[in-house]
Amino acid sequence: MTVNITSEDERLIHEKLRTGAFSSVEEVIHRALVSLPTPEPPLQPMRPLRNLVDVLSEPPFAGSELNLERTRDYPRSLDL
């Protein structure tokens, strides 16, 4: 494998070698790669839910015998 690096990267690598903490360019590059965080897998897009009944009809609520029938509560007359 051939890798092209910038002069700034080369300067940084030589700087690390001068500290004595690394014995070779390969070691500097390997330690840098190992220290990188592992990228997280992309999130799966959520299936759009239409309403609360849809949400409560799917796991973990599915089968919980919830009464999802809507009760009509019409406005009541109010004496002022």
PDB file of N, CA and C in Angstrom:
ATOM      1  N   MET A   1       0.854  -1.169   0.000  1.00  0.00           N
ATOM      2  CA  MET A   1       0.000   0.000   0.000  1.00  0.00           C
ATOM      3  C   MET A   1       0.899   1.230   0.000  1.00  0.00           C
ATOM      4  N   THR A   2       0.556   2.187  -0.804  1.00  0.00           N
ATOM      5  CA  THR A   2       1.287   3.449  -0.845  1.00  0.00           C
ATOM      6  C   THR A   2       0.399   4.538  -0.277  1.00  0.00           C
ATOM      7  N   VAL A   3       0.981   5.306   0.638  1.00  0.00           N
ATOM      8  CA  VAL A   3       0.230   6.384   1.269  1.00  0.00           C
ATOM      9  C   VAL A   3       0.969   7.683   1.030  1.00  0.00           C
ATOM     10  N   ASN A   4       0.270   8.677   0.541  1.00  0.00           N
ATOM     11  CA  ASN A   4       0.858  10.000   0.360  1.00  0.00           C
ATOM     12  C   ASN A   4       0.466  10.861   1.550  1.00  0.00           C
ATOM     13  N   ILE A   5       1.470  11.509   2.164  1.00  0.00           N
ATOM     14  CA  ILE A   5       1.194  12.357   3.316  1.00  0.00           C
ATOM     15  C   ILE A   5       1.698  13.763   3.018  1.00  0.00           C
ATOM     16  N   THR A   6       1.138  14.701   3.701  1.00  0.00           N
ATOM     17  CA  THR A   6       1.540  16.092   3.512  1.00  0.00           C
ATOM     18  C   THR A   6       2.837  16.352   4.266  1.00  0.00           C
ATOM     19  N   SER A   7       3.480  17.454   3.956  1.00  0.00           N
ATOM     20  CA  SER A   7       4.717  17.812   4.664  1.00  0.00           C
ATOM     21  C   SER A   7       4.432  18.075   6.141  1.00  0.00           C
ATOM     22  N   GLU A   8       3.259  18.590   6.441  1.00  0.00           N
ATOM     23  CA  GLU A   8       2.872  18.815   7.840  1.00  0.00           C
ATOM     24  C   GLU A   8       2.750  17.485   8.583  1.00  0.00           C
ATOM     25  N   ASP A   9       2.126  16.472   7.940  1.00  0.00           N
ATOM     26  CA  ASP A   9       2.009  15.154   8.560  1.00  0.00           C
ATOM     27  C   ASP A   9       3.391  14.540   8.777  1.00  0.00           C
ATOM     28  N   GLU A  10       4.263  14.696   7.797  1.00  0.00           N
ATOM     29  CA  GLU A  10       5.618  14.153   7.915  1.00  0.00           C
ATOM     30  C   GLU A  10       6.359  14.816   9.070  1.00  0.00           C
ATOM     31  N   ARG A  11       6.189  16.123   9.221  1.00  0.00           N
ATOM     32  CA  ARG A  11       6.811  16.844  10.340  1.00  0.00           C
ATOM     33  C   ARG A  11       6.293  16.314  11.678  1.00  0.00           C
ATOM     34  N   LEU A  12       4.983  16.074  11.755  1.00  0.00           N
ATOM     35  CA  LEU A  12       4.396  15.556  12.997  1.00  0.00           C
ATOM     36  C   LEU A  12       4.926  14.159  13.324  1.00  0.00           C
ATOM     37  N   ILE A  13       5.066  13.329  12.308  1.00  0.00           N
ATOM     38  CA  ILE A  13       5.579  11.967  12.524  1.00  0.00           C
ATOM     39  C   ILE A  13       7.014  12.026  13.040  1.00  0.00           C
ATOM     40  N   HIS A  14       7.856  12.856  12.420  1.00  0.00           N
ATOM     41  CA  HIS A  14       9.249  12.979  12.874  1.00  0.00           C
ATOM     42  C   HIS A  14       9.322  13.556  14.280  1.00  0.00           C
ATOM     43  N   GLU A  15       8.407  14.447  14.585  1.00  0.00           N
ATOM     44  CA  GLU A  15       8.338  15.015  15.940  1.00  0.00           C
ATOM     45  C   GLU A  15       8.052  13.911  16.965  1.00  0.00           C
ATOM     46  N   LYS A  16       7.118  13.020  16.638  1.00  0.00           N
ATOM     47  CA  LYS A  16       6.793  11.900  17.537  1.00  0.00           C
ATOM     48  C   LYS A  16       7.978  10.950  17.674  1.00  0.00           C
ATOM     49  N   LEU A  17       8.690  10.718  16.582  1.00  0.00           N
ATOM     50  CA  LEU A  17       9.860   9.817  16.632  1.00  0.00           C
ATOM     51  C   LEU A  17      10.956  10.408  17.511  1.00  0.00           C
ATOM     52  N   ARG A  18      11.140  11.737  17.465  1.00  0.00           N
ATOM     53  CA  ARG A  18      12.184  12.382  18.270  1.00  0.00           C
ATOM     54  C   ARG A  18      11.929  12.261  19.764  1.00  0.00           C
ATOM     55  N   THR A  19      10.686  12.071  20.171  1.00  0.00           N
ATOM     56  CA  THR A  19      10.388  11.943  21.606  1.00  0.00           C
ATOM     57  C   THR A  19      10.926  10.642  22.170  1.00  0.00           C
ATOM     58  N   GLY A  20      11.167   9.658  21.293  1.00  0.00           N
ATOM     59  CA  GLY A  20      11.649   8.361  21.756  1.00  0.00           C
ATOM     60  C   GLY A  20      10.537   7.402  22.145  1.00  0.00           C
ATOM     61  N   ALA A  21       9.285   7.867  22.088  1.00  0.00           N
ATOM     62  CA  ALA A  21       8.154   7.009  22.464  1.00  0.00           C
ATOM     63  C   ALA A  21       7.824   5.999  21.373  1.00  0.00           C
ATOM     64  N   PHE A  22       8.315   6.255  20.150  1.00  0.00           N
ATOM     65  CA  PHE A  22       8.038   5.372  19.021  1.00  0.00           C
ATOM     66  C   PHE A  22       9.353   4.984  18.367  1.00  0.00           C
ATOM     67  N   SER A  23       9.410   3.753  17.856  1.00  0.00           N
ATOM     68  CA  SER A  23      10.651   3.281  17.248  1.00  0.00           C
ATOM     69  C   SER A  23      10.629   3.335  15.723  1.00  0.00           C
ATOM     70  N   SER A  24       9.458   3.569  15.109  1.00  0.00           N
ATOM     71  CA  SER A  24       9.384   3.609  13.650  1.00  0.00           C
ATOM     72  C   SER A  24       8.173   4.412  13.197  1.00  0.00           C
ATOM     73  N   VAL A  25       8.212   4.816  11.938  1.00  0.00           N
ATOM     74  CA  VAL A  25       7.092   5.529  11.337  1.00  0.00           C
ATOM     75  C   VAL A  25       5.843   4.659  11.373  1.00  0.00           C
ATOM     76  N   GLU A  26       6.031   3.370  11.098  1.00  0.00           N
ATOM     77  CA  GLU A  26       4.893   2.447  11.102  1.00  0.00           C
ATOM     78  C   GLU A  26       4.219   2.408  12.465  1.00  0.00           C
ATOM     79  N   GLU A  27       5.022   2.451  13.537  1.00  0.00           N
ATOM     80  CA  GLU A  27       4.460   2.412  14.887  1.00  0.00           C
ATOM     81  C   GLU A  27       3.655   3.681  15.176  1.00  0.00           C
ATOM     82  N   VAL A  28       4.175   4.833  14.737  1.00  0.00           N
ATOM     83  CA  VAL A  28       3.453   6.091  14.929  1.00  0.00           C
ATOM     84  C   VAL A  28       2.096   6.024  14.232  1.00  0.00           C
ATOM     85  N   ILE A  29       2.102   5.577  12.984  1.00  0.00           N
ATOM     86  CA  ILE A  29       0.859   5.498  12.210  1.00  0.00           C
ATOM     87  C   ILE A  29      -0.094   4.473  12.819  1.00  0.00           C
ATOM     88  N   HIS A  30       0.447   3.322  13.242  1.00  0.00           N
ATOM     89  CA  HIS A  30      -0.406   2.285  13.837  1.00  0.00           C
ATOM     90  C   HIS A  30      -1.066   2.793  15.110  1.00  0.00           C
ATOM     91  N   ARG A  31      -0.294   3.428  15.990  1.00  0.00           N
ATOM     92  CA  ARG A  31      -0.863   3.938  17.249  1.00  0.00           C
ATOM     93  C   ARG A  31      -1.910   5.017  16.972  1.00  0.00           C
ATOM     94  N   ALA A  32      -1.669   5.833  15.949  1.00  0.00           N
ATOM     95  CA  ALA A  32      -2.644   6.868  15.601  1.00  0.00           C
ATOM     96  C   ALA A  32      -3.943   6.234  15.125  1.00  0.00           C
ATOM     97  N   LEU A  33      -3.832   5.192  14.295  1.00  0.00           N
ATOM     98  CA  LEU A  33      -5.033   4.530  13.774  1.00  0.00           C
ATOM     99  C   LEU A  33      -5.792   3.800  14.870  1.00  0.00           C
ATOM    100  N   VAL A  34      -5.069   3.153  15.771  1.00  0.00           N
ATOM    101  CA  VAL A  34      -5.715   2.412  16.860  1.00  0.00           C
ATOM    102  C   VAL A  34      -6.453   3.360  17.796  1.00  0.00           C
ATOM    103  N   SER A  35      -5.937   4.572  17.959  1.00  0.00           N
ATOM    104  CA  SER A  35      -6.551   5.517  18.898  1.00  0.00           C
ATOM    105  C   SER A  35      -7.794   6.202  18.330  1.00  0.00           C
ATOM    106  N   LEU A  36      -8.041   6.049  17.028  1.00  0.00           N
ATOM    107  CA  LEU A  36      -9.240   6.655  16.437  1.00  0.00           C
ATOM    108  C   LEU A  36     -10.494   5.972  16.955  1.00  0.00           C
ATOM    109  N   PRO A  37     -11.548   6.731  17.212  1.00  0.00           N
ATOM    110  CA  PRO A  37     -12.797   6.099  17.656  1.00  0.00           C
ATOM    111  C   PRO A  37     -13.414   5.291  16.518  1.00  0.00           C
ATOM    112  N   THR A  38     -14.070   4.205  16.883  1.00  0.00           N
ATOM    113  CA  THR A  38     -14.762   3.379  15.893  1.00  0.00           C
ATOM    114  C   THR A  38     -16.054   4.078  15.513  1.00  0.00           C
ATOM    115  N   PRO A  39     -16.265   4.317  14.220  1.00  0.00           N
ATOM    116  CA  PRO A  39     -17.506   4.997  13.840  1.00  0.00           C
ATOM    117  C   PRO A  39     -18.713   4.129  14.136  1.00  0.00           C
ATOM    118  N   GLU A  40     -19.786   4.787  14.570  1.00  0.00           N
ATOM    119  CA  GLU A  40     -21.020   4.057  14.868  1.00  0.00           C
ATOM    120  C   GLU A  40     -21.749   3.755  13.569  1.00  0.00           C
ATOM    121  N   PRO A  41     -22.412   2.605  13.518  1.00  0.00           N
ATOM    122  CA  PRO A  41     -23.171   2.292  12.298  1.00  0.00           C
ATOM    123  C   PRO A  41     -24.288   3.313  12.111  1.00  0.00           C
ATOM    124  N   PRO A  42     -24.656   3.580  10.867  1.00  0.00           N
ATOM    125  CA  PRO A  42     -25.726   4.558  10.637  1.00  0.00           C
ATOM    126  C   PRO A  42     -27.033   4.079  11.252  1.00  0.00           C
ATOM    127  N   LEU A  43     -27.791   5.020  11.748  1.00  0.00           N
ATOM    128  CA  LEU A  43     -29.080   4.684  12.359  1.00  0.00           C
ATOM    129  C   LEU A  43     -30.057   4.239  11.282  1.00  0.00           C
ATOM    130  N   GLN A  44     -30.837   3.244  11.630  1.00  0.00           N
ATOM    131  CA  GLN A  44     -31.879   2.776  10.717  1.00  0.00           C
ATOM    132  C   GLN A  44     -33.026   3.780  10.760  1.00  0.00           C
ATOM    133  N   PRO A  45     -33.511   4.188   9.609  1.00  0.00           N
ATOM    134  CA  PRO A  45     -34.626   5.144   9.631  1.00  0.00           C
ATOM    135  C   PRO A  45     -35.855   4.510  10.270  1.00  0.00           C
ATOM    136  N   MET A  46     -36.514   5.279  11.099  1.00  0.00           N
ATOM    137  CA  MET A  46     -37.714   4.777  11.756  1.00  0.00           C
ATOM    138  C   MET A  46     -38.879   4.785  10.787  1.00  0.00           C
ATOM    139  N   ARG A  47     -39.687   3.769  10.901  1.00  0.00           N
ATOM    140  CA  ARG A  47     -40.904   3.706  10.101  1.00  0.00           C
ATOM    141  C   ARG A  47     -41.864   4.734  10.684  1.00  0.00           C
ATOM    142  N   PRO A  48     -42.368   5.628   9.858  1.00  0.00           N
ATOM    143  CA  PRO A  48     -43.260   6.655  10.412  1.00  0.00           C
ATOM    144  C   PRO A  48     -44.538   6.022  10.965  1.00  0.00           C
ATOM    145  N   LEU A  49     -44.916   6.449  12.148  1.00  0.00           N
ATOM    146  CA  LEU A  49     -46.140   5.974  12.775  1.00  0.00           C
ATOM    147  C   LEU A  49     -47.224   7.022  12.555  1.00  0.00           C
ATOM    148  N   ARG A  50     -48.407   6.557  12.281  1.00  0.00           N
ATOM    149  CA  ARG A  50     -49.477   7.490  11.941  1.00  0.00           C
ATOM    150  C   ARG A  50     -50.132   8.116  13.161  1.00  0.00           C
ATOM    151  N   ASN A  51     -50.307   7.350  14.232  1.00  0.00           N
ATOM    152  CA  ASN A  51     -51.004   7.894  15.392  1.00  0.00           C
ATOM    153  C   ASN A  51     -50.668   7.063  16.638  1.00  0.00           C
ATOM    154  N   LEU A  52     -51.244   7.443  17.757  1.00  0.00           N
ATOM    155  CA  LEU A  52     -50.962   6.766  19.023  1.00  0.00           C
ATOM    156  C   LEU A  52     -51.420   5.316  19.009  1.00  0.00           C
ATOM    157  N   VAL A  53     -52.501   5.017  18.330  1.00  0.00           N
ATOM    158  CA  VAL A  53     -52.989   3.633  18.256  1.00  0.00           C
ATOM    159  C   VAL A  53     -51.930   2.752  17.583  1.00  0.00           C
ATOM    160  N   ASP A  54     -51.274   3.276  16.527  1.00  0.00           N
ATOM    161  CA  ASP A  54     -50.206   2.520  15.872  1.00  0.00           C
ATOM    162  C   ASP A  54     -49.071   2.218  16.849  1.00  0.00           C
ATOM    163  N   VAL A  55     -48.682   3.223  17.614  1.00  0.00           N
ATOM    164  CA  VAL A  55     -47.589   3.053  18.580  1.00  0.00           C
ATOM    165  C   VAL A  55     -47.954   1.999  19.620  1.00  0.00           C
ATOM    166  N   LEU A  56     -49.148   2.090  20.156  1.00  0.00           N
ATOM    167  CA  LEU A  56     -49.557   1.179  21.224  1.00  0.00           C
ATOM    168  C   LEU A  56     -49.923  -0.213  20.706  1.00  0.00           C
ATOM    169  N   SER A  57     -50.031  -0.370  19.390  1.00  0.00           N
ATOM    170  CA  SER A  57     -50.354  -1.677  18.810  1.00  0.00           C
ATOM    171  C   SER A  57     -49.108  -2.477  18.465  1.00  0.00           C
ATOM    172  N   GLU A  58     -47.935  -1.871  18.608  1.00  0.00           N
ATOM    173  CA  GLU A  58     -46.677  -2.541  18.274  1.00  0.00           C
ATOM    174  C   GLU A  58     -45.894  -2.826  19.549  1.00  0.00           C
ATOM    175  N   PRO A  59     -44.904  -3.745  19.475  1.00  0.00           N
ATOM    176  CA  PRO A  59     -44.083  -4.033  20.657  1.00  0.00           C
ATOM    177  C   PRO A  59     -43.462  -2.753  21.195  1.00  0.00           C
ATOM    178  N   PRO A  60     -43.331  -2.609  22.464  1.00  0.00           N
ATOM    179  CA  PRO A  60     -43.552  -3.577  23.532  1.00  0.00           C
ATOM    180  C   PRO A  60     -44.978  -3.604  24.068  1.00  0.00           C
ATOM    181  N   PHE A  61     -45.858  -2.777  23.497  1.00  0.00           N
ATOM    182  CA  PHE A  61     -47.229  -2.706  24.014  1.00  0.00           C
ATOM    183  C   PHE A  61     -48.170  -3.725  23.393  1.00  0.00           C
ATOM    184  N   ALA A  62     -47.805  -4.287  22.259  1.00  0.00           N
ATOM    185  CA  ALA A  62     -48.675  -5.238  21.575  1.00  0.00           C
ATOM    186  C   ALA A  62     -48.992  -6.411  22.496  1.00  0.00           C
ATOM    187  N   GLY A  63     -50.241  -6.819  22.512  1.00  0.00           N
ATOM    188  CA  GLY A  63     -50.645  -7.952  23.339  1.00  0.00           C
ATOM    189  C   GLY A  63     -50.892  -7.596  24.786  1.00  0.00           C
ATOM    190  N   SER A  64     -50.812  -6.325  25.131  1.00  0.00           N
ATOM    191  CA  SER A  64     -51.021  -5.947  26.536  1.00  0.00           C
ATOM    192  C   SER A  64     -52.487  -5.695  26.856  1.00  0.00           C
ATOM    193  N   GLU A  65     -53.339  -5.976  25.872  1.00  0.00           N
ATOM    194  CA  GLU A  65     -54.782  -5.861  26.043  1.00  0.00           C
ATOM    195  C   GLU A  65     -55.221  -4.459  26.452  1.00  0.00           C
ATOM    196  N   LEU A  66     -54.567  -3.452  25.877  1.00  0.00           N
ATOM    197  CA  LEU A  66     -54.988  -2.078  26.125  1.00  0.00           C
ATOM    198  C   LEU A  66     -56.285  -1.818  25.373  1.00  0.00           C
ATOM    199  N   ASN A  67     -57.186  -1.080  25.983  1.00  0.00           N
ATOM    200  CA  ASN A  67     -58.424  -0.706  25.318  1.00  0.00           C
ATOM    201  C   ASN A  67     -58.150   0.575  24.544  1.00  0.00           C
ATOM    202  N   LEU A  68     -58.063   0.442  23.214  1.00  0.00           N
ATOM    203  CA  LEU A  68     -57.718   1.583  22.375  1.00  0.00           C
ATOM    204  C   LEU A  68     -58.938   2.212  21.709  1.00  0.00           C
ATOM    205  N   GLU A  69     -60.126   1.823  22.160  1.00  0.00           N
ATOM    206  CA  GLU A  69     -61.345   2.417  21.614  1.00  0.00           C
ATOM    207  C   GLU A  69     -61.466   3.843  22.117  1.00  0.00           C
ATOM    208  N   ARG A  70     -61.816   4.718  21.214  1.00  0.00           N
ATOM    209  CA  ARG A  70     -61.927   6.123  21.562  1.00  0.00           C
ATOM    210  C   ARG A  70     -63.313   6.400  22.124  1.00  0.00           C
ATOM    211  N   THR A  71     -63.354   7.056  23.272  1.00  0.00           N
ATOM    212  CA  THR A  71     -64.641   7.463  23.826  1.00  0.00           C
ATOM    213  C   THR A  71     -64.884   8.909  23.433  1.00  0.00           C
ATOM    214  N   ARG A  72     -66.085   9.161  22.958  1.00  0.00           N
ATOM    215  CA  ARG A  72     -66.435  10.515  22.533  1.00  0.00           C
ATOM    216  C   ARG A  72     -66.884  11.314  23.750  1.00  0.00           C
ATOM    217  N   ASP A  73     -66.238  12.410  23.970  1.00  0.00           N
ATOM    218  CA  ASP A  73     -66.616  13.309  25.054  1.00  0.00           C
ATOM    219  C   ASP A  73     -66.968  14.643  24.408  1.00  0.00           C
ATOM    220  N   TYR A  74     -68.252  14.792  24.101  1.00  0.00           N
ATOM    221  CA  TYR A  74     -68.689  15.994  23.422  1.00  0.00           C
ATOM    222  C   TYR A  74     -68.752  17.151  24.404  1.00  0.00           C
ATOM    223  N   PRO A  75     -68.610  18.347  23.905  1.00  0.00           N
ATOM    224  CA  PRO A  75     -68.650  19.517  24.826  1.00  0.00           C
ATOM    225  C   PRO A  75     -69.985  19.583  25.563  1.00  0.00           C
ATOM    226  N   ARG A  76     -69.909  19.905  26.804  1.00  0.00           N
ATOM    227  CA  ARG A  76     -71.110  20.026  27.626  1.00  0.00           C
ATOM    228  C   ARG A  76     -71.539  21.494  27.692  1.00  0.00           C
ATOM    229  N   SER A  77     -72.817  21.687  27.848  1.00  0.00           N
ATOM    230  CA  SER A  77     -73.303  23.067  27.986  1.00  0.00           C
ATOM    231  C   SER A  77     -72.873  23.591  29.339  1.00  0.00           C
ATOM    232  N   LEU A  78     -72.635  24.857  29.373  1.00  0.00           N
ATOM    233  CA  LEU A  78     -72.117  25.476  30.586  1.00  0.00           C
ATOM    234  C   LEU A  78     -72.968  26.692  30.908  1.00  0.00           C
ATOM    235  N   ASP A  79     -73.524  26.714  32.094  1.00  0.00           N
ATOM    236  CA  ASP A  79     -74.328  27.863  32.523  1.00  0.00           C
ATOM    237  C   ASP A  79     -73.404  28.879  33.182  1.00  0.00           C
ATOM    238  N   LEU A  80     -73.439  30.090  32.655  1.00  0.00           N
ATOM    239  CA  LEU A  80     -72.603  31.154  33.235  1.00  0.00           C
ATOM    240  C   LEU A  80     -73.406  32.141  33.999  1.00  0.00           C
TER     241      LEU A  80
END
